Amino acid sequence: MFLYNPKDKRLLPPKRIQWMGYTVNFANPYSVLLLLPFLILIAVVILK
């Protein structure tokens, strides 16, 4: 469900099944910073 791989330096590595898209590598701190604005945007849209 979650990807945590410190050896993989990619922010958004592809999923094992390519047509399913990409996932967030939580071992990379920059990818978490990339995810935060999307979560804030979703929260703002829901709360309005």
PDB file of N, CA and C in Angstrom:
ATOM      1  N   MET A   1       0.821  -1.188   0.000  1.00  0.00           N
ATOM      2  CA  MET A   1       0.000   0.000   0.000  1.00  0.00           C
ATOM      3  C   MET A   1       0.871   1.260   0.000  1.00  0.00           C
ATOM      4  N   PHE A   2       1.934   1.266   0.788  1.00  0.00           N
ATOM      5  CA  PHE A   2       2.849   2.396   0.840  1.00  0.00           C
ATOM      6  C   PHE A   2       4.226   1.940   0.386  1.00  0.00           C
ATOM      7  N   LEU A   3       4.946   2.846  -0.259  1.00  0.00           N
ATOM      8  CA  LEU A   3       6.307   2.525  -0.694  1.00  0.00           C
ATOM      9  C   LEU A   3       7.286   3.297   0.177  1.00  0.00           C
ATOM     10  N   TYR A   4       8.202   2.592   0.822  1.00  0.00           N
ATOM     11  CA  TYR A   4       9.267   3.198   1.608  1.00  0.00           C
ATOM     12  C   TYR A   4      10.538   2.472   1.241  1.00  0.00           C
ATOM     13  N   ASN A   5      11.293   3.053   0.313  1.00  0.00           N
ATOM     14  CA  ASN A   5      12.519   2.430  -0.169  1.00  0.00           C
ATOM     15  C   ASN A   5      13.626   3.474  -0.171  1.00  0.00           C
ATOM     16  N   PRO A   6      14.479   3.500   0.860  1.00  0.00           N
ATOM     17  CA  PRO A   6      15.544   4.504   0.932  1.00  0.00           C
ATOM     18  C   PRO A   6      16.574   4.390  -0.196  1.00  0.00           C
ATOM     19  N   LYS A   7      16.699   3.225  -0.816  1.00  0.00           N
ATOM     20  CA  LYS A   7      17.659   3.058  -1.903  1.00  0.00           C
ATOM     21  C   LYS A   7      17.167   3.685  -3.203  1.00  0.00           C
ATOM     22  N   ASP A   8      15.861   3.854  -3.340  1.00  0.00           N
ATOM     23  CA  ASP A   8      15.273   4.450  -4.543  1.00  0.00           C
ATOM     24  C   ASP A   8      15.146   5.953  -4.334  1.00  0.00           C
ATOM     25  N   LYS A   9      15.841   6.734  -5.119  1.00  0.00           N
ATOM     26  CA  LYS A   9      15.866   8.186  -4.947  1.00  0.00           C
ATOM     27  C   LYS A   9      14.774   8.906  -5.734  1.00  0.00           C
ATOM     28  N   ARG A  10      13.944   8.177  -6.473  1.00  0.00           N
ATOM     29  CA  ARG A  10      12.889   8.812  -7.264  1.00  0.00           C
ATOM     30  C   ARG A  10      11.768   9.315  -6.358  1.00  0.00           C
ATOM     31  N   LEU A  11      11.191  10.461  -6.739  1.00  0.00           N
ATOM     32  CA  LEU A  11      10.069  11.011  -5.980  1.00  0.00           C
ATOM     33  C   LEU A  11       8.807  10.195  -6.200  1.00  0.00           C
ATOM     34  N   LEU A  12       8.531   9.912  -7.462  1.00  0.00           N
ATOM     35  CA  LEU A  12       7.321   9.178  -7.837  1.00  0.00           C
ATOM     36  C   LEU A  12       7.698   7.973  -8.701  1.00  0.00           C
ATOM     37  N   PRO A  13       8.081   6.867  -8.092  1.00  0.00           N
ATOM     38  CA  PRO A  13       8.410   5.691  -8.895  1.00  0.00           C
ATOM     39  C   PRO A  13       7.145   5.041  -9.446  1.00  0.00           C
ATOM     40  N   PRO A  14       7.244   4.393 -10.601  1.00  0.00           N
ATOM     41  CA  PRO A  14       6.062   3.730 -11.174  1.00  0.00           C
ATOM     42  C   PRO A  14       5.666   2.517 -10.345  1.00  0.00           C
ATOM     43  N   LYS A  15       4.393   2.194 -10.395  1.00  0.00           N
ATOM     44  CA  LYS A  15       3.900   0.999  -9.706  1.00  0.00           C
ATOM     45  C   LYS A  15       4.332  -0.235 -10.482  1.00  0.00           C
ATOM     46  N   ARG A  16       4.207  -1.377  -9.869  1.00  0.00           N
ATOM     47  CA  ARG A  16       4.625  -2.624 -10.524  1.00  0.00           C
ATOM     48  C   ARG A  16       3.849  -2.869 -11.800  1.00  0.00           C
ATOM     49  N   ILE A  17       2.564  -2.574 -11.771  1.00  0.00           N
ATOM     50  CA  ILE A  17       1.729  -2.682 -12.963  1.00  0.00           C
ATOM     51  C   ILE A  17       1.679  -1.288 -13.580  1.00  0.00           C
ATOM     52  N   GLN A  18       2.309  -1.099 -14.742  1.00  0.00           N
ATOM     53  CA  GLN A  18       2.549   0.224 -15.298  1.00  0.00           C
ATOM     54  C   GLN A  18       1.286   1.034 -15.553  1.00  0.00           C
ATOM     55  N   TRP A  19       0.204   0.407 -15.973  1.00  0.00           N
ATOM     56  CA  TRP A  19      -1.000   1.162 -16.311  1.00  0.00           C
ATOM     57  C   TRP A  19      -1.688   1.720 -15.071  1.00  0.00           C
ATOM     58  N   MET A  20      -1.243   1.317 -13.872  1.00  0.00           N
ATOM     59  CA  MET A  20      -1.845   1.820 -12.644  1.00  0.00           C
ATOM     60  C   MET A  20      -1.244   3.147 -12.182  1.00  0.00           C
ATOM     61  N   GLY A  21      -0.188   3.608 -12.852  1.00  0.00           N
ATOM     62  CA  GLY A  21       0.354   4.931 -12.557  1.00  0.00           C
ATOM     63  C   GLY A  21       1.579   4.915 -11.665  1.00  0.00           C
ATOM     64  N   TYR A  22       1.651   5.916 -10.803  1.00  0.00           N
ATOM     65  CA  TYR A  22       2.823   6.129  -9.967  1.00  0.00           C
ATOM     66  C   TYR A  22       2.427   6.119  -8.498  1.00  0.00           C
ATOM     67  N   THR A  23       3.433   5.981  -7.639  1.00  0.00           N
ATOM     68  CA  THR A  23       3.212   6.020  -6.201  1.00  0.00           C
ATOM     69  C   THR A  23       4.238   6.946  -5.565  1.00  0.00           C
ATOM     70  N   VAL A  24       4.010   7.321  -4.329  1.00  0.00           N
ATOM     71  CA  VAL A  24       4.911   8.222  -3.610  1.00  0.00           C
ATOM     72  C   VAL A  24       5.884   7.381  -2.791  1.00  0.00           C
ATOM     73  N   ASN A  25       7.176   7.674  -2.926  1.00  0.00           N
ATOM     74  CA  ASN A  25       8.198   7.005  -2.132  1.00  0.00           C
ATOM     75  C   ASN A  25       8.377   7.798  -0.838  1.00  0.00           C
ATOM     76  N   PHE A  26       7.833   7.297   0.259  1.00  0.00           N
ATOM     77  CA  PHE A  26       7.862   8.013   1.524  1.00  0.00           C
ATOM     78  C   PHE A  26       9.243   8.052   2.167  1.00  0.00           C
ATOM     79  N   ALA A  27      10.216   7.354   1.638  1.00  0.00           N
ATOM     80  CA  ALA A  27      11.584   7.420   2.146  1.00  0.00           C
ATOM     81  C   ALA A  27      12.286   8.689   1.672  1.00  0.00           C
ATOM     82  N   ASN A  28      11.778   9.298   0.625  1.00  0.00           N
ATOM     83  CA  ASN A  28      12.362  10.526   0.094  1.00  0.00           C
ATOM     84  C   ASN A  28      11.607  11.725   0.678  1.00  0.00           C
ATOM     85  N   PRO A  29      12.293  12.598   1.454  1.00  0.00           N
ATOM     86  CA  PRO A  29      11.573  13.715   2.090  1.00  0.00           C
ATOM     87  C   PRO A  29      10.980  14.695   1.089  1.00  0.00           C
ATOM     88  N   TYR A  30      11.561  14.825  -0.088  1.00  0.00           N
ATOM     89  CA  TYR A  30      11.024  15.745  -1.094  1.00  0.00           C
ATOM     90  C   TYR A  30       9.706  15.246  -1.669  1.00  0.00           C
ATOM     91  N   SER A  31       9.532  13.947  -1.726  1.00  0.00           N
ATOM     92  CA  SER A  31       8.272  13.425  -2.239  1.00  0.00           C
ATOM     93  C   SER A  31       7.130  13.679  -1.261  1.00  0.00           C
ATOM     94  N   VAL A  32       7.434  13.673   0.024  1.00  0.00           N
ATOM     95  CA  VAL A  32       6.419  14.004   1.020  1.00  0.00           C
ATOM     96  C   VAL A  32       6.036  15.475   0.876  1.00  0.00           C
ATOM     97  N   LEU A  33       7.013  16.337   0.633  1.00  0.00           N
ATOM     98  CA  LEU A  33       6.728  17.752   0.404  1.00  0.00           C
ATOM     99  C   LEU A  33       5.928  17.950  -0.877  1.00  0.00           C
ATOM    100  N   LEU A  34       6.098  17.087  -1.842  1.00  0.00           N
ATOM    101  CA  LEU A  34       5.332  17.136  -3.078  1.00  0.00           C
ATOM    102  C   LEU A  34       3.884  16.715  -2.832  1.00  0.00           C
ATOM    103  N   LEU A  35       3.673  15.801  -1.924  1.00  0.00           N
ATOM    104  CA  LEU A  35       2.338  15.285  -1.626  1.00  0.00           C
ATOM    105  C   LEU A  35       1.510  16.261  -0.785  1.00  0.00           C
ATOM    106  N   LEU A  36       2.144  17.027   0.094  1.00  0.00           N
ATOM    107  CA  LEU A  36       1.423  17.927   0.998  1.00  0.00           C
ATOM    108  C   LEU A  36       0.527  18.943   0.298  1.00  0.00           C
ATOM    109  N   PRO A  37       0.977  19.650  -0.755  1.00  0.00           N
ATOM    110  CA  PRO A  37       0.070  20.604  -1.416  1.00  0.00           C
ATOM    111  C   PRO A  37      -1.186  19.937  -1.985  1.00  0.00           C
ATOM    112  N   PHE A  38      -1.068  18.726  -2.489  1.00  0.00           N
ATOM    113  CA  PHE A  38      -2.244  18.025  -3.004  1.00  0.00           C
ATOM    114  C   PHE A  38      -3.222  17.695  -1.883  1.00  0.00           C
ATOM    115  N   LEU A  39      -2.708  17.284  -0.745  1.00  0.00           N
ATOM    116  CA  LEU A  39      -3.585  16.992   0.389  1.00  0.00           C
ATOM    117  C   LEU A  39      -4.269  18.252   0.908  1.00  0.00           C
ATOM    118  N   ILE A  40      -3.543  19.360   0.943  1.00  0.00           N
ATOM    119  CA  ILE A  40      -4.129  20.626   1.380  1.00  0.00           C
ATOM    120  C   ILE A  40      -5.198  21.080   0.399  1.00  0.00           C
ATOM    121  N   LEU A  41      -4.937  20.937  -0.897  1.00  0.00           N
ATOM    122  CA  LEU A  41      -5.911  21.310  -1.914  1.00  0.00           C
ATOM    123  C   LEU A  41      -7.191  20.482  -1.779  1.00  0.00           C
ATOM    124  N   ILE A  42      -7.047  19.212  -1.556  1.00  0.00           N
ATOM    125  CA  ILE A  42      -8.217  18.348  -1.389  1.00  0.00           C
ATOM    126  C   ILE A  42      -9.001  18.751  -0.147  1.00  0.00           C
ATOM    127  N   ALA A  43      -8.304  19.058   0.942  1.00  0.00           N
ATOM    128  CA  ALA A  43      -8.973  19.458   2.173  1.00  0.00           C
ATOM    129  C   ALA A  43      -9.726  20.778   1.974  1.00  0.00           C
ATOM    130  N   VAL A  44      -9.149  21.730   1.246  1.00  0.00           N
ATOM    131  CA  VAL A  44      -9.803  23.014   0.997  1.00  0.00           C
ATOM    132  C   VAL A  44     -11.051  22.821   0.156  1.00  0.00           C
ATOM    133  N   VAL A  45     -10.966  21.988  -0.853  1.00  0.00           N
ATOM    134  CA  VAL A  45     -12.134  21.759  -1.719  1.00  0.00           C
ATOM    135  C   VAL A  45     -13.257  21.073  -0.935  1.00  0.00           C
ATOM    136  N   ILE A  46     -12.902  20.131  -0.094  1.00  0.00           N
ATOM    137  CA  ILE A  46     -13.923  19.412   0.675  1.00  0.00           C
ATOM    138  C   ILE A  46     -14.575  20.323   1.710  1.00  0.00           C
ATOM    139  N   LEU A  47     -13.807  21.179   2.340  1.00  0.00           N
ATOM    140  CA  LEU A  47     -14.324  22.021   3.421  1.00  0.00           C
ATOM    141  C   LEU A  47     -15.121  23.224   2.922  1.00  0.00           C
ATOM    142  N   LYS A  48     -15.032  23.545   1.645  1.00  0.00           N
ATOM    143  CA  LYS A  48     -15.789  24.686   1.121  1.00  0.00           C
ATOM    144  C   LYS A  48     -17.197  24.347   0.815  1.00  0.00           C
TER     145      LYS A  48
END
